[in-house]
Amino acid sequence: MTIRIVTDSACDLPADVASELGIEIVPLTIRFGDEEFVDRRDLTPEVFWQRCAASATLPETAAPAPGAFEEVYRSLAAAGATGVIVVSLSAALSATMQSAELAARSVGDVVPVTVVDSRSVTLGQGMIAVAAARLAAGGAGHDDVVAAVRSLAARTKVWGALDTLDNLKKGGRIGGAKAMLASVLSIKPIIEVRDGQVEEGGKQRTRSKALAFLVEKVQSYGAIENLAVAHAACPDVDGFVEQVRHLASGEVIVGNIGPVVGSHAGRGTMGVAFQTVV
């Protein structure tokens, strides 16, 4: 029995981690005006931030076509997979899960595919895929991995601290006057992924206080696992990782926030993702 894990590029997993665990990543597409790019393949995070800075409007993201998922499913089946489990970007945020499900129906006679809503994004989604791949590599069966993914999704927490309100202003989510005032006062919004949606989680004055808030928030959950740090080109990421490293056992995976999340959160965003332990 060979169970393979598929996810999409909103997961923000480092390429080496995905490769090592055999996780297949189906990319979303990013549009700047009339130009379209395949996430991570045509557009690295660094080039993405450069384009964002030069653009007066936010780029748009689009879900993969069902055919992109179907191609991956058939390829995995041809390579010997006896089952495929998809850890999808939150269905409340994108039509990506719908595409994955349509493709699953198209290959029903080739390989069984189960699509699970991560109810998360960035490394919250990514760490669910990592845990699922490790279980599958250890010999867990299809149904056991699906049950574990659903349990992990229910226990996944993602918190982030924004460094700038520029992208929120460009996206029309706040007015220019409010963005300017927040900048003058060094206000850093806190966001949380809750019930599959990105919600306001408060605000802090100054970046150091915002990052300290994230550390305290992780601590407040008690026992946690699968801790990861996602960042949007943050020069202070190494220091932040050291602040949270002791809060969970095992390696802390660090990933770059890509265009899917970054187009809204903005450069300088720092985030933590983990699961509570039951």
Protein backbone atom coordinates (compact mmCIF):
# COMPACT_ATOMS: atom_id res chain seq x y z
CA MET A 1 0.00 0.00 0.00
CA THR A 2 1.43 3.35 -1.07
CA ILE A 3 -0.46 6.46 0.03
CA ARG A 4 0.68 9.77 -1.47
CA ILE A 5 -0.02 13.29 -0.25
CA VAL A 6 -0.94 16.21 -2.49
CA THR A 7 -1.43 19.85 -1.49
CA ASP A 8 -1.39 23.24 -3.23
CA SER A 9 1.07 26.11 -3.27
CA ALA A 10 -0.80 28.08 -0.61
CA CYS A 11 0.87 25.68 1.86
CA ASP A 12 4.18 27.64 1.69
CA LEU A 13 6.22 24.49 2.36
CA PRO A 14 9.92 24.74 1.52
CA ALA A 15 10.63 22.79 -1.67
CA ASP A 16 13.23 20.58 0.02
CA VAL A 17 10.77 19.51 2.74
CA ALA A 18 8.09 18.63 0.19
CA SER A 19 10.60 16.75 -1.94
CA GLU A 20 12.02 14.77 0.97
CA LEU A 21 8.53 13.63 2.02
CA GLY A 22 7.23 13.06 -1.50
CA ILE A 23 4.53 15.72 -1.18
CA GLU A 24 3.19 16.88 -4.54
CA ILE A 25 2.32 20.59 -4.72
CA VAL A 26 -0.19 21.85 -7.30
CA PRO A 27 0.42 25.57 -7.95
CA LEU A 28 -2.11 28.37 -7.96
CA THR A 29 -1.67 31.17 -10.50
CA ILE A 30 -0.95 34.83 -9.82
CA ARG A 31 -2.07 37.70 -12.06
CA PHE A 32 -0.51 41.15 -12.22
CA GLY A 33 -2.80 42.95 -14.64
CA ASP A 34 -2.65 41.04 -17.93
CA GLU A 35 0.38 38.98 -16.89
CA GLU A 36 -0.16 35.52 -15.40
CA PHE A 37 2.41 33.53 -13.45
CA VAL A 38 2.46 30.03 -12.02
CA ASP A 39 3.12 30.32 -8.27
CA ARG A 40 6.68 29.37 -7.26
CA ARG A 41 7.56 28.21 -10.78
CA ASP A 42 7.37 31.52 -12.67
CA LEU A 43 7.39 33.80 -9.66
CA THR A 44 9.75 33.46 -6.71
CA PRO A 45 8.76 35.19 -3.44
CA GLU A 46 11.53 37.80 -3.91
CA VAL A 47 10.39 38.75 -7.42
CA PHE A 48 6.81 38.79 -6.17
CA TRP A 49 7.65 41.37 -3.48
CA GLN A 50 9.47 43.53 -6.01
CA ARG A 51 6.42 43.50 -8.29
CA CYS A 52 4.08 44.26 -5.38
CA ALA A 53 6.11 47.32 -4.42
CA ALA A 54 5.95 48.62 -7.98
CA SER A 55 2.22 47.97 -8.42
CA ALA A 56 -0.56 50.31 -7.30
CA THR A 57 -3.01 47.41 -7.07
CA LEU A 58 -2.83 43.95 -5.56
CA PRO A 59 -2.27 40.91 -7.74
CA GLU A 60 -5.08 38.38 -8.05
CA THR A 61 -4.74 34.71 -7.26
CA ALA A 62 -6.62 31.95 -9.08
CA ALA A 63 -7.24 28.33 -8.10
CA PRO A 64 -5.60 25.58 -10.15
CA ALA A 65 -7.78 24.10 -12.88
CA PRO A 66 -9.16 20.62 -12.13
CA GLY A 67 -6.92 19.31 -14.91
CA ALA A 68 -3.81 20.30 -12.95
CA PHE A 69 -4.89 18.10 -10.06
CA GLU A 70 -5.98 15.28 -12.37
CA GLU A 71 -2.57 15.22 -14.02
CA VAL A 72 -0.89 14.80 -10.63
CA TYR A 73 -3.33 12.08 -9.51
CA ARG A 74 -2.76 10.06 -12.69
CA SER A 75 1.00 10.50 -12.44
CA LEU A 76 1.03 9.24 -8.85
CA ALA A 77 -1.18 6.28 -9.75
CA ALA A 78 1.17 5.41 -12.62
CA ALA A 79 4.07 5.55 -10.15
CA GLY A 80 2.36 2.98 -7.93
CA ALA A 81 0.19 4.99 -5.54
CA THR A 82 -2.73 2.96 -4.19
CA GLY A 83 -4.41 6.05 -2.73
CA VAL A 84 -4.07 9.84 -2.77
CA ILE A 85 -4.98 12.27 0.01
CA VAL A 86 -5.23 15.98 -0.77
CA VAL A 87 -4.69 18.57 1.97
CA SER A 88 -6.45 21.60 0.50
CA LEU A 89 -6.27 25.32 1.12
CA SER A 90 -9.29 26.37 3.20
CA ALA A 91 -12.45 26.06 1.11
CA ALA A 92 -13.65 29.31 2.69
CA LEU A 93 -10.78 31.18 1.03
CA SER A 94 -10.51 29.66 -2.44
CA ALA A 95 -12.06 27.41 -5.07
CA THR A 96 -8.93 25.23 -4.94
CA MET A 97 -10.65 22.45 -2.99
CA GLN A 98 -13.48 22.39 -5.51
CA SER A 99 -10.97 21.84 -8.33
CA ALA A 100 -9.29 19.04 -6.39
CA GLU A 101 -12.65 17.33 -5.81
CA LEU A 102 -13.71 17.60 -9.47
CA ALA A 103 -10.43 16.03 -10.49
CA ALA A 104 -10.86 13.26 -7.90
CA ARG A 105 -14.14 12.26 -9.50
CA SER A 106 -12.47 12.09 -12.90
CA VAL A 107 -9.97 9.48 -11.70
CA GLY A 108 -12.31 7.42 -9.54
CA ASP A 109 -11.69 4.34 -11.69
CA VAL A 110 -7.89 4.81 -11.54
CA VAL A 111 -7.01 5.61 -7.93
CA PRO A 112 -9.02 6.51 -4.80
CA VAL A 113 -8.59 10.19 -3.91
CA THR A 114 -9.82 11.84 -0.71
CA VAL A 115 -9.79 15.64 -0.51
CA VAL A 116 -9.70 17.13 3.00
CA ASP A 117 -10.27 20.80 3.82
CA SER A 118 -7.31 21.96 5.92
CA ARG A 119 -9.44 24.91 7.11
CA SER A 120 -6.10 26.70 7.10
CA VAL A 121 -3.49 28.34 4.89
CA THR A 122 0.29 28.87 4.67
CA LEU A 123 2.24 26.56 7.00
CA GLY A 124 -0.88 25.65 8.98
CA GLN A 125 -1.94 23.81 5.85
CA GLY A 126 1.64 22.80 5.10
CA MET A 127 2.30 21.15 8.45
CA ILE A 128 -0.87 19.06 8.10
CA ALA A 129 0.53 17.79 4.79
CA VAL A 130 3.90 17.08 6.44
CA ALA A 131 2.30 15.08 9.27
CA ALA A 132 0.17 13.16 6.76
CA ALA A 133 3.20 12.32 4.60
CA ARG A 134 5.11 11.04 7.61
CA LEU A 135 2.20 8.83 8.60
CA ALA A 136 1.89 7.48 5.07
CA ALA A 137 5.63 6.80 4.91
CA GLY A 138 5.29 4.87 8.17
CA GLY A 139 2.78 2.51 6.59
CA ALA A 140 -0.53 4.00 7.76
CA GLY A 141 -3.54 3.09 5.63
CA HIS A 142 -5.68 5.48 3.59
CA ASP A 143 -8.52 5.79 6.09
CA ASP A 144 -6.13 6.23 9.04
CA VAL A 145 -4.27 9.05 7.29
CA VAL A 146 -7.55 10.76 6.35
CA ALA A 147 -8.74 10.55 9.97
CA ALA A 148 -5.44 11.99 11.17
CA VAL A 149 -5.60 14.86 8.67
CA ARG A 150 -9.11 15.76 9.83
CA SER A 151 -8.00 15.68 13.46
CA LEU A 152 -4.97 17.84 12.70
CA ALA A 153 -7.11 20.34 10.76
CA ALA A 154 -9.37 20.76 13.79
CA ARG A 155 -6.34 21.42 16.02
CA THR A 156 -4.32 23.70 13.71
CA LYS A 157 -3.63 27.27 14.81
CA VAL A 158 -2.12 30.05 12.71
CA TRP A 159 -1.28 33.51 14.03
CA GLY A 160 0.53 36.31 12.23
CA ALA A 161 1.84 39.81 12.79
CA LEU A 162 1.68 42.21 9.85
CA ASP A 163 4.44 44.78 9.43
CA THR A 164 2.71 47.10 6.98
CA LEU A 165 -0.83 47.99 6.01
CA ASP A 166 0.12 48.85 2.42
CA ASN A 167 -1.39 45.70 0.94
CA LEU A 168 -4.58 46.05 2.98
CA LYS A 169 -4.86 49.61 1.65
CA LYS A 170 -4.21 48.53 -1.95
CA GLY A 171 -6.83 45.83 -1.57
CA GLY A 172 -9.41 48.32 -0.32
CA ARG A 173 -9.74 46.64 3.07
CA ILE A 174 -8.80 49.83 4.91
CA GLY A 175 -8.76 53.49 3.88
CA GLY A 176 -5.66 55.53 3.17
CA ALA A 177 -6.12 57.78 6.23
CA LYS A 178 -6.37 54.79 8.55
CA ALA A 179 -3.28 53.20 6.98
CA MET A 180 -1.32 56.43 7.38
CA LEU A 181 -2.33 56.82 11.03
CA ALA A 182 -1.40 53.21 11.76
CA SER A 183 1.99 53.77 10.14
CA VAL A 184 2.66 56.89 12.21
CA LEU A 185 1.69 55.06 15.41
CA SER A 186 3.66 51.92 14.44
CA ILE A 187 0.51 49.81 14.83
CA LYS A 188 1.01 46.20 13.79
CA PRO A 189 -2.20 44.25 13.11
CA ILE A 190 -2.44 40.67 14.37
CA ILE A 191 -4.28 38.10 12.26
CA GLU A 192 -5.58 34.65 13.10
CA VAL A 193 -6.88 31.82 10.92
CA ARG A 194 -10.16 30.88 12.59
CA ASP A 195 -12.83 28.54 11.22
CA GLY A 196 -11.10 28.54 7.86
CA GLN A 197 -11.12 32.33 7.55
CA VAL A 198 -8.45 34.97 8.14
CA GLU A 199 -9.73 37.13 11.00
CA GLU A 200 -8.48 40.09 13.00
CA GLY A 201 -6.64 38.96 16.12
CA GLY A 202 -5.91 42.33 17.67
CA LYS A 203 -3.15 44.88 17.26
CA GLN A 204 0.13 45.80 18.92
CA ARG A 205 2.27 48.92 19.04
CA THR A 206 5.71 48.29 17.47
CA ARG A 207 7.08 45.19 15.80
CA SER A 208 8.91 43.92 18.87
CA LYS A 209 5.66 43.90 20.84
CA ALA A 210 3.83 42.20 17.97
CA LEU A 211 6.40 39.41 17.81
CA ALA A 212 6.39 39.06 21.61
CA PHE A 213 2.61 38.71 21.39
CA LEU A 214 3.00 35.81 18.94
CA VAL A 215 5.40 34.04 21.33
CA GLU A 216 2.97 34.52 24.23
CA LYS A 217 0.09 33.28 22.08
CA VAL A 218 1.92 30.06 21.23
CA GLN A 219 2.74 29.54 24.92
CA SER A 220 -0.90 30.04 25.89
CA TYR A 221 -1.97 26.85 24.12
CA GLY A 222 0.13 24.61 26.35
CA ALA A 223 1.37 21.41 24.70
CA ILE A 224 1.77 21.81 20.93
CA GLU A 225 3.34 19.92 18.02
CA ASN A 226 4.47 20.50 14.43
CA LEU A 227 5.61 24.08 15.06
CA ALA A 228 6.51 26.14 11.99
CA VAL A 229 7.38 29.76 11.24
CA ALA A 230 6.26 31.46 8.02
CA HIS A 231 7.72 34.81 7.03
CA ALA A 232 7.50 37.33 4.21
CA ALA A 233 11.12 38.30 3.54
CA CYS A 234 11.77 39.08 7.24
CA PRO A 235 15.41 39.83 8.11
CA ASP A 236 14.65 39.11 11.78
CA VAL A 237 13.22 35.60 11.19
CA ASP A 238 16.21 33.74 12.68
CA GLY A 239 15.90 35.60 15.97
CA PHE A 240 12.16 34.93 16.08
CA VAL A 241 12.69 31.21 15.45
CA GLU A 242 15.04 31.11 18.44
CA GLN A 243 12.32 32.68 20.60
CA VAL A 244 9.80 29.94 19.79
CA ARG A 245 12.06 26.92 19.27
CA HIS A 246 11.79 25.74 22.89
CA LEU A 247 7.97 25.71 22.80
CA ALA A 248 7.71 22.41 20.90
CA SER A 249 9.88 19.35 20.40
CA GLY A 250 11.31 18.51 17.01
CA GLU A 251 12.50 20.65 14.13
CA VAL A 252 10.92 24.05 13.49
CA ILE A 253 10.17 24.25 9.77
CA VAL A 254 10.68 27.75 8.35
CA GLY A 255 8.97 28.73 5.10
CA ASN A 256 8.61 31.79 2.90
CA ILE A 257 5.12 33.24 2.70
CA GLY A 258 4.28 33.14 -0.99
CA PRO A 259 1.97 35.21 -3.20
CA VAL A 260 -1.29 33.51 -2.17
CA VAL A 261 -1.06 34.80 1.42
CA GLY A 262 1.50 37.53 0.84
CA SER A 263 -0.68 39.50 -1.56
CA HIS A 264 -2.94 40.33 1.38
CA ALA A 265 -0.60 40.24 4.37
CA GLY A 266 2.30 42.19 2.88
CA ARG A 267 6.07 42.06 3.15
CA GLY A 268 7.43 41.72 6.67
CA THR A 269 4.62 39.51 7.95
CA MET A 270 5.74 36.93 10.52
CA GLY A 271 3.55 33.95 11.33
CA VAL A 272 3.44 30.83 13.48
CA ALA A 273 1.60 27.61 12.76
CA PHE A 274 1.18 24.58 15.01
CA GLN A 275 -1.26 22.00 16.31
CA THR A 276 -2.51 21.67 19.83
CA VAL A 277 -1.98 18.28 21.46
CA VAL A 278 -5.07 16.40 22.62
